[in-house]
Amino acid sequence: MSVNNKVVRIFTIPLQYPCGTNSSCCGPIGQSEEEIMSISDAIKNLGVEVEVQNTMDKGFAEKYPSVAKLLNSFGPGIVPVLSIGDEIISMGVPTIEEIVQVVKEKIL
């Protein structure tokens, strides 16, 4: 059961190394499965339903145009993006504590 039937969506890019794992020109982008699971579990502990959305999936841009527009405008460094309904509540790489606080503020 979720609090007030609210769903938190976590929009992510799977962890990848665009220039190779040992490259010095740029670092990795995206999140590991472990990172996303930590975020998801922390939110679920608040009694909120969580959906993880891979921004690389076919049809993503049509289904979530506002998040696709943010990614096109600011690049992959803004993931994970979290939303409740149509409201974006977090972008970038926050700490688990920051995410929990933002979700608490939005659901109470």
C-alpha atoms as a PDB file:
ATOM      1  CA  MET A   1       0.000   0.000   0.000  1.00  0.00           C
ATOM      2  CA  SER A   2       1.289   3.460  -0.770  1.00  0.00           C
ATOM      3  CA  VAL A   3       0.892   6.709   1.100  1.00  0.00           C
ATOM      4  CA  ASN A   4      -1.957   8.678  -0.473  1.00  0.00           C
ATOM      5  CA  ASN A   5      -1.597   6.485  -3.595  1.00  0.00           C
ATOM      6  CA  LYS A   6       1.494   8.461  -4.628  1.00  0.00           C
ATOM      7  CA  VAL A   7       4.130   6.887  -6.826  1.00  0.00           C
ATOM      8  CA  VAL A   8       7.716   8.079  -6.933  1.00  0.00           C
ATOM      9  CA  ARG A   9       9.356   7.489 -10.290  1.00  0.00           C
ATOM     10  CA  ILE A  10      13.118   7.195 -10.513  1.00  0.00           C
ATOM     11  CA  PHE A  11      14.386   7.974 -14.009  1.00  0.00           C
ATOM     12  CA  THR A  12      17.847   6.589 -14.560  1.00  0.00           C
ATOM     13  CA  ILE A  13      20.472   5.653 -17.103  1.00  0.00           C
ATOM     14  CA  PRO A  14      22.273   2.346 -16.543  1.00  0.00           C
ATOM     15  CA  LEU A  15      25.897   2.893 -15.528  1.00  0.00           C
ATOM     16  CA  GLN A  16      28.117   3.228 -18.578  1.00  0.00           C
ATOM     17  CA  TYR A  17      31.580   4.428 -19.500  1.00  0.00           C
ATOM     18  CA  PRO A  18      31.260   6.353 -22.780  1.00  0.00           C
ATOM     19  CA  CYS A  19      35.006   6.792 -23.281  1.00  0.00           C
ATOM     20  CA  GLY A  20      36.057   3.443 -21.806  1.00  0.00           C
ATOM     21  CA  THR A  21      36.596   2.305 -18.228  1.00  0.00           C
ATOM     22  CA  ASN A  22      40.175   3.593 -18.001  1.00  0.00           C
ATOM     23  CA  SER A  23      39.665   6.836 -19.913  1.00  0.00           C
ATOM     24  CA  SER A  24      40.816  10.119 -18.400  1.00  0.00           C
ATOM     25  CA  CYS A  25      38.704  12.394 -20.625  1.00  0.00           C
ATOM     26  CA  CYS A  26      35.360  11.736 -18.972  1.00  0.00           C
ATOM     27  CA  GLY A  27      33.893   9.697 -16.186  1.00  0.00           C
ATOM     28  CA  PRO A  28      31.009   7.287 -16.024  1.00  0.00           C
ATOM     29  CA  ILE A  29      27.395   8.327 -16.517  1.00  0.00           C
ATOM     30  CA  GLY A  30      24.304   6.796 -14.991  1.00  0.00           C
ATOM     31  CA  GLN A  31      23.786   4.728 -11.887  1.00  0.00           C
ATOM     32  CA  SER A  32      24.585   1.179 -10.904  1.00  0.00           C
ATOM     33  CA  GLU A  33      21.784  -1.208 -10.008  1.00  0.00           C
ATOM     34  CA  GLU A  34      22.982  -1.035  -6.401  1.00  0.00           C
ATOM     35  CA  GLU A  35      22.649   2.766  -6.313  1.00  0.00           C
ATOM     36  CA  ILE A  36      19.123   2.649  -7.715  1.00  0.00           C
ATOM     37  CA  MET A  37      18.114  -0.149  -5.342  1.00  0.00           C
ATOM     38  CA  SER A  38      19.375   1.898  -2.372  1.00  0.00           C
ATOM     39  CA  ILE A  39      17.309   4.900  -3.455  1.00  0.00           C
ATOM     40  CA  SER A  40      14.274   2.740  -4.184  1.00  0.00           C
ATOM     41  CA  ASP A  41      14.470   0.881  -0.866  1.00  0.00           C
ATOM     42  CA  ALA A  42      14.794   4.113   1.123  1.00  0.00           C
ATOM     43  CA  ILE A  43      11.677   5.525  -0.553  1.00  0.00           C
ATOM     44  CA  LYS A  44       9.730   2.286  -0.143  1.00  0.00           C
ATOM     45  CA  ASN A  45      10.499   2.414   3.588  1.00  0.00           C
ATOM     46  CA  LEU A  46       8.362   5.565   3.684  1.00  0.00           C
ATOM     47  CA  GLY A  47       5.373   3.543   2.478  1.00  0.00           C
ATOM     48  CA  VAL A  48       5.503   4.968  -1.024  1.00  0.00           C
ATOM     49  CA  GLU A  49       5.313   2.972  -4.248  1.00  0.00           C
ATOM     50  CA  VAL A  50       8.391   3.278  -6.459  1.00  0.00           C
ATOM     51  CA  GLU A  51       8.769   2.787 -10.209  1.00  0.00           C
ATOM     52  CA  VAL A  52      12.195   2.758 -11.847  1.00  0.00           C
ATOM     53  CA  GLN A  53      12.234   3.981 -15.444  1.00  0.00           C
ATOM     54  CA  ASN A  54      15.209   3.447 -17.748  1.00  0.00           C
ATOM     55  CA  THR A  55      15.554   6.552 -19.911  1.00  0.00           C
ATOM     56  CA  MET A  56      17.169   4.411 -22.622  1.00  0.00           C
ATOM     57  CA  ASP A  57      14.039   2.288 -23.141  1.00  0.00           C
ATOM     58  CA  LYS A  58      12.172   2.499 -26.425  1.00  0.00           C
ATOM     59  CA  GLY A  59       9.235   4.895 -26.218  1.00  0.00           C
ATOM     60  CA  PHE A  60      10.577   6.671 -23.134  1.00  0.00           C
ATOM     61  CA  ALA A  61      10.478  10.158 -24.691  1.00  0.00           C
ATOM     62  CA  GLU A  62       6.864   9.754 -25.782  1.00  0.00           C
ATOM     63  CA  LYS A  63       5.746   8.430 -22.401  1.00  0.00           C
ATOM     64  CA  TYR A  64       7.669  10.966 -20.273  1.00  0.00           C
ATOM     65  CA  PRO A  65       8.218  14.047 -22.463  1.00  0.00           C
ATOM     66  CA  SER A  66       9.063  16.432 -19.610  1.00  0.00           C
ATOM     67  CA  VAL A  67      11.917  14.230 -18.374  1.00  0.00           C
ATOM     68  CA  ALA A  68      13.098  13.608 -21.952  1.00  0.00           C
ATOM     69  CA  LYS A  69      13.209  17.370 -22.504  1.00  0.00           C
ATOM     70  CA  LEU A  70      15.313  17.834 -19.358  1.00  0.00           C
ATOM     71  CA  LEU A  71      17.733  15.138 -20.514  1.00  0.00           C
ATOM     72  CA  ASN A  72      18.004  16.717 -23.958  1.00  0.00           C
ATOM     73  CA  SER A  73      18.580  20.153 -22.422  1.00  0.00           C
ATOM     74  CA  PHE A  74      20.990  19.299 -19.603  1.00  0.00           C
ATOM     75  CA  GLY A  75      22.457  15.908 -20.487  1.00  0.00           C
ATOM     76  CA  PRO A  76      22.825  12.665 -18.578  1.00  0.00           C
ATOM     77  CA  GLY A  77      24.412  14.352 -15.555  1.00  0.00           C
ATOM     78  CA  ILE A  78      20.947  15.184 -14.240  1.00  0.00           C
ATOM     79  CA  VAL A  79      20.033  11.547 -13.568  1.00  0.00           C
ATOM     80  CA  PRO A  80      18.621  10.204 -11.451  1.00  0.00           C
ATOM     81  CA  VAL A  81      15.534  12.343 -11.878  1.00  0.00           C
ATOM     82  CA  LEU A  82      12.766  11.720  -9.354  1.00  0.00           C
ATOM     83  CA  SER A  83       9.145  12.683  -9.768  1.00  0.00           C
ATOM     84  CA  ILE A  84       5.848  12.346  -7.981  1.00  0.00           C
ATOM     85  CA  GLY A  85       3.097  12.470 -10.547  1.00  0.00           C
ATOM     86  CA  ASP A  86       4.082  15.154 -13.042  1.00  0.00           C
ATOM     87  CA  GLU A  87       6.207  17.080 -10.539  1.00  0.00           C
ATOM     88  CA  ILE A  88       9.992  16.743 -10.718  1.00  0.00           C
ATOM     89  CA  ILE A  89      11.226  16.617  -7.123  1.00  0.00           C
ATOM     90  CA  SER A  90      14.937  15.917  -7.577  1.00  0.00           C
ATOM     91  CA  MET A  91      17.636  15.920 -10.261  1.00  0.00           C
ATOM     92  CA  GLY A  92      21.259  14.944 -10.070  1.00  0.00           C
ATOM     93  CA  VAL A  93      23.006  12.755  -7.549  1.00  0.00           C
ATOM     94  CA  PRO A  94      21.527  13.488  -4.121  1.00  0.00           C
ATOM     95  CA  THR A  95      22.299  11.582  -0.950  1.00  0.00           C
ATOM     96  CA  ILE A  96      19.794   9.035   0.299  1.00  0.00           C
ATOM     97  CA  GLU A  97      19.027  11.354   3.215  1.00  0.00           C
ATOM     98  CA  GLU A  98      18.233  14.238   0.841  1.00  0.00           C
ATOM     99  CA  ILE A  99      15.941  12.043  -1.229  1.00  0.00           C
ATOM    100  CA  VAL A 100      14.081  10.779   1.837  1.00  0.00           C
ATOM    101  CA  GLN A 101      13.620  14.344   3.087  1.00  0.00           C
ATOM    102  CA  VAL A 102      12.269  15.608  -0.244  1.00  0.00           C
ATOM    103  CA  VAL A 103       9.863  12.687  -0.585  1.00  0.00           C
ATOM    104  CA  LYS A 104       8.655  13.158   3.003  1.00  0.00           C
ATOM    105  CA  GLU A 105       7.986  16.837   2.327  1.00  0.00           C
ATOM    106  CA  LYS A 106       5.975  16.020  -0.785  1.00  0.00           C
ATOM    107  CA  ILE A 107       3.865  13.193   0.633  1.00  0.00           C
ATOM    108  CA  LEU A 108       2.930  14.765   3.967  1.00  0.00           C
END
